[in-house]
Protein backbone atom coordinates (compact mmCIF):
# COMPACT_ATOMS: atom_id res chain seq x y z
CA MET A 1 32.23 26.94 -28.65
CA TRP A 2 28.98 28.60 -28.80
CA LYS A 3 28.10 27.86 -32.36
CA ARG A 4 29.24 24.34 -31.92
CA ILE A 5 26.59 24.12 -28.61
CA ARG A 6 23.94 25.98 -30.73
CA ILE A 7 24.23 23.24 -33.69
CA LEU A 8 24.05 20.58 -31.18
CA PHE A 9 20.97 22.18 -29.63
CA ILE A 10 18.96 22.65 -32.66
CA ALA A 11 19.60 19.15 -33.85
CA ARG A 12 18.76 17.52 -30.39
CA ASN A 13 15.37 19.67 -30.55
CA LYS A 14 14.74 18.37 -34.10
CA GLU A 15 15.37 14.80 -33.33
CA PHE A 16 12.86 15.19 -30.55
CA TYR A 17 9.76 16.77 -32.25
CA ARG A 18 10.30 14.74 -35.31
CA ASP A 19 9.70 11.61 -32.92
CA ARG A 20 5.99 12.34 -33.06
CA SER A 21 5.20 9.34 -30.31
CA ALA A 22 7.58 10.70 -27.81
CA LEU A 23 6.45 14.18 -28.32
CA GLY A 24 2.63 13.02 -28.25
CA TRP A 25 3.04 11.44 -25.11
CA ASN A 26 4.82 13.73 -23.19
CA LEU A 27 1.81 16.27 -24.27
CA LEU A 28 -0.94 13.85 -23.75
CA PHE A 29 0.17 11.69 -20.80
CA PRO A 30 -0.64 14.68 -18.05
CA PHE A 31 -3.86 15.11 -19.64
CA LEU A 32 -5.02 11.62 -19.47
CA ILE A 33 -4.06 11.56 -15.53
CA ILE A 34 -6.13 14.71 -14.98
CA ILE A 35 -9.18 13.80 -17.05
CA GLY A 36 -9.19 10.32 -15.43
CA TYR A 37 -8.84 11.26 -11.78
CA SER A 38 -11.33 14.05 -12.06
CA PHE A 39 -13.67 11.23 -13.75
CA LEU A 40 -13.39 8.45 -11.54
CA PHE A 41 -12.84 10.15 -8.03
CA GLY A 42 -14.44 13.63 -8.63
CA GLY A 43 -11.90 15.40 -5.78
CA ASN A 44 -10.26 12.46 -3.82
CA GLY A 45 -7.79 9.33 -5.02
CA GLN A 46 -6.49 8.31 -1.60
CA ALA A 47 -7.01 4.48 -0.83
CA LEU A 48 -6.17 4.67 2.77
CA TYR A 49 -8.37 7.25 5.43
CA LYS A 50 -6.42 9.33 7.42
CA VAL A 51 -7.66 10.77 10.56
CA GLY A 52 -5.99 13.73 12.46
CA VAL A 53 -6.37 13.76 16.44
CA VAL A 54 -5.49 17.00 18.19
CA VAL A 55 -3.74 16.03 21.45
CA GLU A 56 -2.56 18.86 23.33
CA SER A 57 -0.25 16.86 25.70
CA SER A 58 0.54 13.49 26.73
CA ALA A 59 -1.81 13.53 29.72
CA ALA A 60 -4.72 14.62 27.50
CA ALA A 61 -4.09 11.39 25.22
CA LYS A 62 -5.44 9.50 28.09
CA LEU A 63 -8.58 11.10 28.51
CA LEU A 64 -9.87 10.28 25.39
CA PRO A 65 -14.14 9.89 25.28
CA PRO A 66 -15.22 6.55 25.20
CA GLN A 67 -17.08 6.77 21.76
CA PHE A 68 -13.68 7.82 20.35
CA ALA A 69 -11.64 5.10 21.67
CA GLU A 70 -14.40 2.84 20.12
CA PHE A 71 -13.34 4.87 16.78
CA ARG A 72 -10.10 4.20 17.27
CA LYS A 73 -10.71 0.54 16.92
CA THR A 74 -11.74 1.10 13.40
CA ARG A 75 -9.68 -1.11 10.55
CA HIS A 76 -8.08 0.91 7.67
CA VAL A 77 -8.20 3.90 9.35
CA GLU A 78 -4.63 5.62 10.03
CA PHE A 79 -4.66 8.19 13.03
CA VAL A 80 -2.23 11.08 12.86
CA GLU A 81 -1.54 13.42 16.00
CA PHE A 82 -1.29 16.90 15.93
CA SER A 83 -0.44 19.41 19.03
CA SER A 84 -3.05 22.00 17.80
CA VAL A 85 -6.04 22.63 15.84
CA GLU A 86 -4.56 25.15 13.49
CA GLU A 87 -2.01 22.38 12.34
CA GLY A 88 -4.47 20.12 11.81
CA LEU A 89 -6.96 22.24 9.77
CA GLU A 90 -4.09 23.08 7.34
CA LYS A 91 -3.58 19.54 6.68
CA LEU A 92 -7.27 18.76 6.20
CA ARG A 93 -7.62 21.71 3.92
CA HIS A 94 -4.47 20.49 1.62
CA HIS A 95 -5.91 16.79 1.93
CA ARG A 96 -3.29 15.37 3.74
CA ILE A 97 -5.89 13.94 6.35
CA ASP A 98 -9.56 13.21 5.57
CA LEU A 99 -11.10 14.12 9.11
CA LEU A 100 -10.02 16.14 12.10
CA VAL A 101 -11.10 15.47 15.88
CA GLN A 102 -10.59 16.96 18.95
CA PRO A 103 -11.68 14.49 21.42
CA LEU A 104 -11.34 16.18 24.74
CA LEU A 105 -13.78 19.15 23.46
CA LYS A 106 -15.41 16.50 21.62
CA ARG A 107 -15.90 18.34 18.15
CA TYR A 108 -14.50 17.10 14.58
CA TRP A 109 -13.89 18.87 11.42
CA MET A 110 -14.40 17.69 7.78
CA SER A 111 -13.60 18.62 4.10
CA SER A 112 -16.81 19.05 2.11
CA THR A 113 -14.76 18.68 -1.04
CA SER A 114 -13.62 15.10 -0.03
CA PRO A 115 -15.32 12.08 -0.27
CA LYS A 116 -13.05 10.48 1.86
CA GLY A 117 -13.99 12.96 4.73
CA TYR A 118 -17.36 11.97 3.98
CA VAL A 119 -16.74 8.23 4.43
CA SER A 120 -14.53 9.28 7.57
CA GLU A 121 -17.55 10.99 9.36
CA ARG A 122 -19.83 8.04 8.76
CA LEU A 123 -17.24 5.94 10.18
CA LEU A 124 -17.34 8.03 13.15
CA ALA A 125 -20.85 8.44 13.44
CA SER A 126 -21.18 4.31 13.40
CA SER A 127 -19.14 4.37 16.63
CA GLY A 128 -21.87 6.10 18.33
CA ALA A 129 -19.74 9.52 18.55
CA THR A 130 -22.00 11.60 16.75
CA ARG A 131 -25.35 11.15 19.18
CA PRO A 132 -26.84 14.09 21.04
CA ASP A 133 -24.07 13.74 23.69
CA GLY A 134 -21.37 12.87 21.31
CA PHE A 135 -19.19 14.84 18.89
CA GLU A 136 -20.38 18.18 17.51
CA LYS A 137 -19.82 19.07 13.80
CA GLN A 138 -17.42 22.36 13.05
CA SER A 139 -16.81 24.17 9.84
CA VAL A 140 -13.43 24.57 8.16
CA VAL A 141 -12.02 27.82 8.39
CA GLY A 142 -10.42 28.99 5.12
CA ARG A 143 -10.11 28.01 1.50
CA GLU A 144 -10.52 24.32 0.88
CA ILE A 145 -8.55 22.88 -2.18
CA PRO A 146 -10.13 20.38 -4.18
CA TYR A 147 -8.05 17.16 -4.69
CA VAL A 148 -7.61 17.74 -8.64
CA GLU A 149 -6.09 21.03 -7.85
CA TRP A 150 -3.78 19.31 -5.11
CA LEU A 151 -3.04 16.61 -7.57
CA PHE A 152 -2.22 18.94 -10.57
CA PRO A 153 1.38 20.38 -9.47
CA GLY A 154 2.24 16.73 -8.80
CA ILE A 155 1.38 15.55 -12.18
CA LEU A 156 3.43 18.35 -13.74
CA GLY A 157 6.42 17.47 -11.39
CA MET A 158 5.91 13.83 -12.60
CA ASN A 159 5.60 14.70 -16.29
CA ILE A 160 9.03 16.95 -15.96
CA MET A 161 10.84 13.96 -13.89
CA PHE A 162 10.17 11.32 -16.77
CA SER A 163 10.90 13.66 -19.64
CA ALA A 164 14.04 14.91 -18.08
CA LEU A 165 15.42 11.35 -16.80
CA PHE A 166 14.62 9.42 -19.92
CA GLY A 167 14.94 12.36 -22.40
CA VAL A 168 18.46 12.90 -21.39
CA GLY A 169 19.43 9.75 -19.80
CA TYR A 170 18.44 7.35 -22.04
CA THR A 171 19.16 9.31 -25.19
CA VAL A 172 22.88 9.75 -24.14
CA VAL A 173 23.32 6.09 -23.96
CA ARG A 174 21.79 5.37 -27.14
CA TYR A 175 24.43 7.78 -28.51
CA ARG A 176 27.31 5.81 -26.97
CA LYS A 177 26.04 2.59 -27.90
CA ASN A 178 25.43 3.23 -31.53
CA GLY A 179 28.55 4.88 -31.75
CA ALA A 180 27.69 8.58 -32.13
CA LEU A 181 29.76 9.59 -29.14
CA LYS A 182 32.83 7.97 -30.36
CA ARG A 183 32.61 9.61 -33.76
CA MET A 184 31.94 13.24 -31.88
CA SER A 185 35.11 12.61 -29.92
CA VAL A 186 37.14 13.34 -32.93
CA THR A 187 35.35 16.64 -33.75
CA PRO A 188 36.17 19.97 -31.94
CA VAL A 189 33.22 19.18 -29.81
CA ARG A 190 34.56 18.69 -26.17
CA PRO A 191 32.66 16.77 -23.45
CA HIS A 192 31.24 20.10 -21.59
CA GLU A 193 30.07 21.54 -24.92
CA PHE A 194 27.97 18.35 -25.62
CA LEU A 195 26.52 18.28 -22.33
CA THR A 196 25.86 21.87 -22.25
CA ALA A 197 23.83 21.54 -25.33
CA GLN A 198 21.92 18.29 -24.11
CA VAL A 199 21.04 20.44 -20.97
CA LEU A 200 19.60 23.70 -22.75
CA SER A 201 17.96 21.25 -25.04
CA ARG A 202 15.98 19.20 -22.70
CA MET A 203 15.30 22.45 -20.30
CA PHE A 204 13.59 24.34 -23.46
CA LEU A 205 11.30 21.52 -24.29
CA ILE A 206 10.51 20.66 -20.58
CA LEU A 207 9.55 24.19 -19.87
CA ILE A 208 7.65 24.53 -23.36
CA THR A 209 5.61 21.23 -22.71
CA THR A 210 4.94 22.13 -19.16
CA ALA A 211 3.34 25.26 -20.17
CA VAL A 212 1.32 23.65 -23.12
CA VAL A 213 0.10 21.11 -20.34
CA TYR A 214 -0.58 23.64 -17.76
CA ALA A 215 -2.22 26.03 -20.12
CA GLY A 216 -4.64 23.18 -21.55
CA CYS A 217 -5.46 21.89 -17.92
CA ALA A 218 -6.22 25.60 -16.82
CA ALA A 219 -8.57 25.96 -19.64
CA LEU A 220 -10.32 22.62 -19.07
CA TYR A 221 -10.68 22.62 -15.27
CA GLY A 222 -10.44 26.33 -14.30
CA PHE A 223 -6.93 25.67 -12.53
CA SER A 224 -5.30 28.86 -11.26
CA CYS A 225 -1.88 29.91 -9.88
CA ARG A 226 -2.61 31.86 -6.45
CA GLY A 227 1.07 32.67 -6.33
CA SER A 228 3.36 34.36 -8.80
CA TYR A 229 4.05 33.01 -12.27
CA ALA A 230 7.30 33.82 -12.37
CA THR A 231 8.12 31.74 -8.93
CA LEU A 232 6.37 28.80 -10.68
CA PHE A 233 8.58 29.17 -13.53
CA LEU A 234 11.61 29.58 -11.41
CA VAL A 235 10.27 26.36 -9.38
CA PHE A 236 10.05 24.20 -12.44
CA ALA A 237 13.28 25.50 -14.21
CA VAL A 238 15.13 24.80 -11.03
CA GLY A 239 13.54 21.27 -10.44
CA GLY A 240 13.72 20.50 -14.09
CA PHE A 241 17.14 20.95 -14.33
CA SER A 242 18.09 18.94 -11.17
CA MET A 243 16.02 16.20 -12.88
CA VAL A 244 18.40 16.88 -16.18
CA ALA A 245 21.67 16.67 -14.13
CA LEU A 246 20.23 13.29 -12.21
CA GLY A 247 19.68 11.71 -16.00
CA LEU A 248 23.08 12.84 -16.92
CA LEU A 249 24.59 11.39 -14.21
CA VAL A 250 23.05 7.75 -14.83
CA ALA A 251 24.27 8.49 -18.64
CA SER A 252 27.95 9.27 -17.81
CA ARG A 253 29.34 5.89 -18.49
CA SER A 254 26.65 3.28 -19.22
CA SER A 255 26.35 1.97 -22.45
CA SER A 256 23.66 -0.58 -22.06
CA GLU A 257 20.07 1.02 -22.86
CA GLU A 258 18.61 -2.09 -20.87
CA PHE A 259 20.92 -1.20 -17.84
CA ALA A 260 20.19 2.55 -17.93
CA GLY A 261 16.63 2.25 -18.39
CA GLY A 262 16.55 -0.12 -15.15
CA VAL A 263 18.28 2.26 -13.41
CA LEU A 264 16.15 5.10 -14.33
CA ASN A 265 13.11 3.08 -13.69
CA LEU A 266 14.76 2.26 -10.06
CA LEU A 267 14.67 6.07 -9.45
CA SER A 268 11.75 7.40 -10.94
CA TRP A 269 9.09 4.87 -9.58
CA PRO A 270 10.19 5.34 -6.03
CA MET A 271 10.17 9.37 -6.32
CA MET A 272 6.74 9.01 -8.11
CA PHE A 273 5.42 7.25 -5.00
CA LEU A 274 7.41 9.02 -2.31
CA SER A 275 7.30 12.61 -3.45
CA GLU A 276 3.67 12.78 -2.83
CA VAL A 277 2.57 12.82 -6.41
CA TRP A 278 -0.35 10.96 -5.58
CA PHE A 279 -0.97 10.77 -1.96
CA SER A 280 0.50 12.64 1.22
CA LEU A 281 3.05 10.62 3.32
CA GLU A 282 1.20 12.18 6.70
CA GLY A 283 1.54 9.46 9.20
CA ALA A 284 4.13 7.63 7.16
CA ARG A 285 7.14 6.05 9.27
CA PRO A 286 9.86 8.90 9.72
CA TRP A 287 12.29 6.99 7.78
CA VAL A 288 10.00 7.10 4.96
CA GLN A 289 9.60 10.68 5.00
CA LYS A 290 13.28 11.39 5.49
CA LEU A 291 14.09 8.94 2.25
CA ALA A 292 11.45 11.27 0.41
CA LYS A 293 13.56 14.50 0.92
CA LEU A 294 16.42 12.85 -0.54
CA PHE A 295 14.80 12.85 -4.10
CA PRO A 296 14.81 16.12 -6.01
CA LEU A 297 11.03 15.69 -7.19
CA THR A 298 9.76 16.06 -3.52
CA PRO A 299 11.08 19.67 -3.09
CA MET A 300 9.87 20.88 -6.71
CA ILE A 301 6.37 19.36 -6.15
CA ASP A 302 5.98 20.64 -2.43
CA ALA A 303 7.41 24.17 -3.79
CA ALA A 304 4.93 24.15 -6.83
CA ARG A 305 1.80 23.26 -4.68
CA ARG A 306 2.62 26.07 -1.98
CA VAL A 307 2.64 28.63 -5.15
CA MET A 308 -0.17 27.21 -7.02
CA ASN A 309 -2.55 26.26 -3.95
CA ASP A 310 -1.48 28.91 -1.47
CA GLY A 311 0.31 31.89 -3.23
CA ALA A 312 3.58 31.29 -1.89
CA GLY A 313 6.27 33.70 -2.67
CA LEU A 314 9.72 33.11 -3.16
CA VAL A 315 10.68 33.38 0.41
CA GLU A 316 8.63 30.90 1.28
CA VAL A 317 9.96 28.42 -1.57
CA GLY A 318 13.49 29.78 -1.25
CA PRO A 319 14.79 26.49 0.82
CA ARG A 320 13.52 24.12 -1.54
CA LEU A 321 14.95 25.91 -4.28
CA LEU A 322 18.16 25.91 -2.75
CA ALA A 323 17.81 22.43 -1.67
CA MET A 324 17.44 21.50 -5.66
CA ALA A 325 20.17 23.70 -6.91
CA ALA A 326 22.63 21.66 -4.22
CA MET A 327 21.31 18.49 -5.57
CA SER A 328 22.02 19.76 -9.05
CA ALA A 329 25.26 20.68 -8.92
CA LEU A 330 26.13 17.57 -7.06
CA PHE A 331 24.71 15.43 -10.00
CA LEU A 332 26.29 17.58 -12.61
CA LEU A 333 29.86 17.41 -10.60
CA ALA A 334 29.76 13.47 -10.41
CA GLY A 335 28.48 13.26 -13.99
CA SER A 336 31.10 15.44 -15.57
CA LEU A 337 33.96 13.46 -13.65
CA LEU A 338 32.29 10.10 -14.74
CA PHE A 339 31.36 11.20 -18.21
CA THR A 340 33.18 9.33 -21.20
CA TRP A 341 32.60 9.42 -24.53
CA ARG A 342 33.16 5.60 -25.64
CA LYS A 343 31.87 2.08 -24.19
CA GLU A 344 33.74 1.04 -21.32
């Protein structure tokens, strides 16, 4: 059995790296995004201003200073309420909000690494809140995380998602469509051996390309992992495995490349926008935040950011690893039950 799996594993790897365009895109695409964002935005790429408001109680919400009440009327600014300053500062340091205001004590905080924070401060000033009798600026306690550093784990996760979904799902469908799976069904290879080889091959390629992209971006921009590299490797391995399992589920019966491509795009694009690759969902509707948690990309990116930006350990990211493992088991079980060699 293992000999057949090894042969299929080697064959799939050769097929991948002989496709120079696919190999080049997997390596080049993340670099282009990081370079583009660092050049165009230099620190922040969000399109919506988000201002955190510290409201200790419902009664306090009714005692807002008139300057701040005027600021609340500003268009294109989203206000997110927090129950404590510590919670708001944590969101501010991680670019989930652009400005933090405590109206009752007439003070505010902004991130010096965020251009959106600067603009938000100017909007606050235009409302008259920074006059001598107005709000006082406070310094942010703790290390601020530049937007590009915050973005980097999301780019790595997104690259893993596309590589896993299309590298497995689309490939298996193509095998079924051109008859390769039908011919393989009369060989000693069994379905679980074929699927195991596909999973191992794609996982090997995902981890290698991710390591190359990480090393290249770290060398160019000085990115560093504040947590354990072993924990980060585990996060990407478990997350990549869940994506591969989802790709196998999509490809388990489909024999149309067009249909499979449509389904994979239907899955990947919502994940890319709802899993906080580019921007935070802080302040979004509760049902949107709950929907985002159903995607395997969400816990992978969240765990990677905690490890890379905050130095979180295995215990802190453990619940997210368990969530991705549970999703993987569900996808694999459904995919193995639905899998067929021939066209339906």
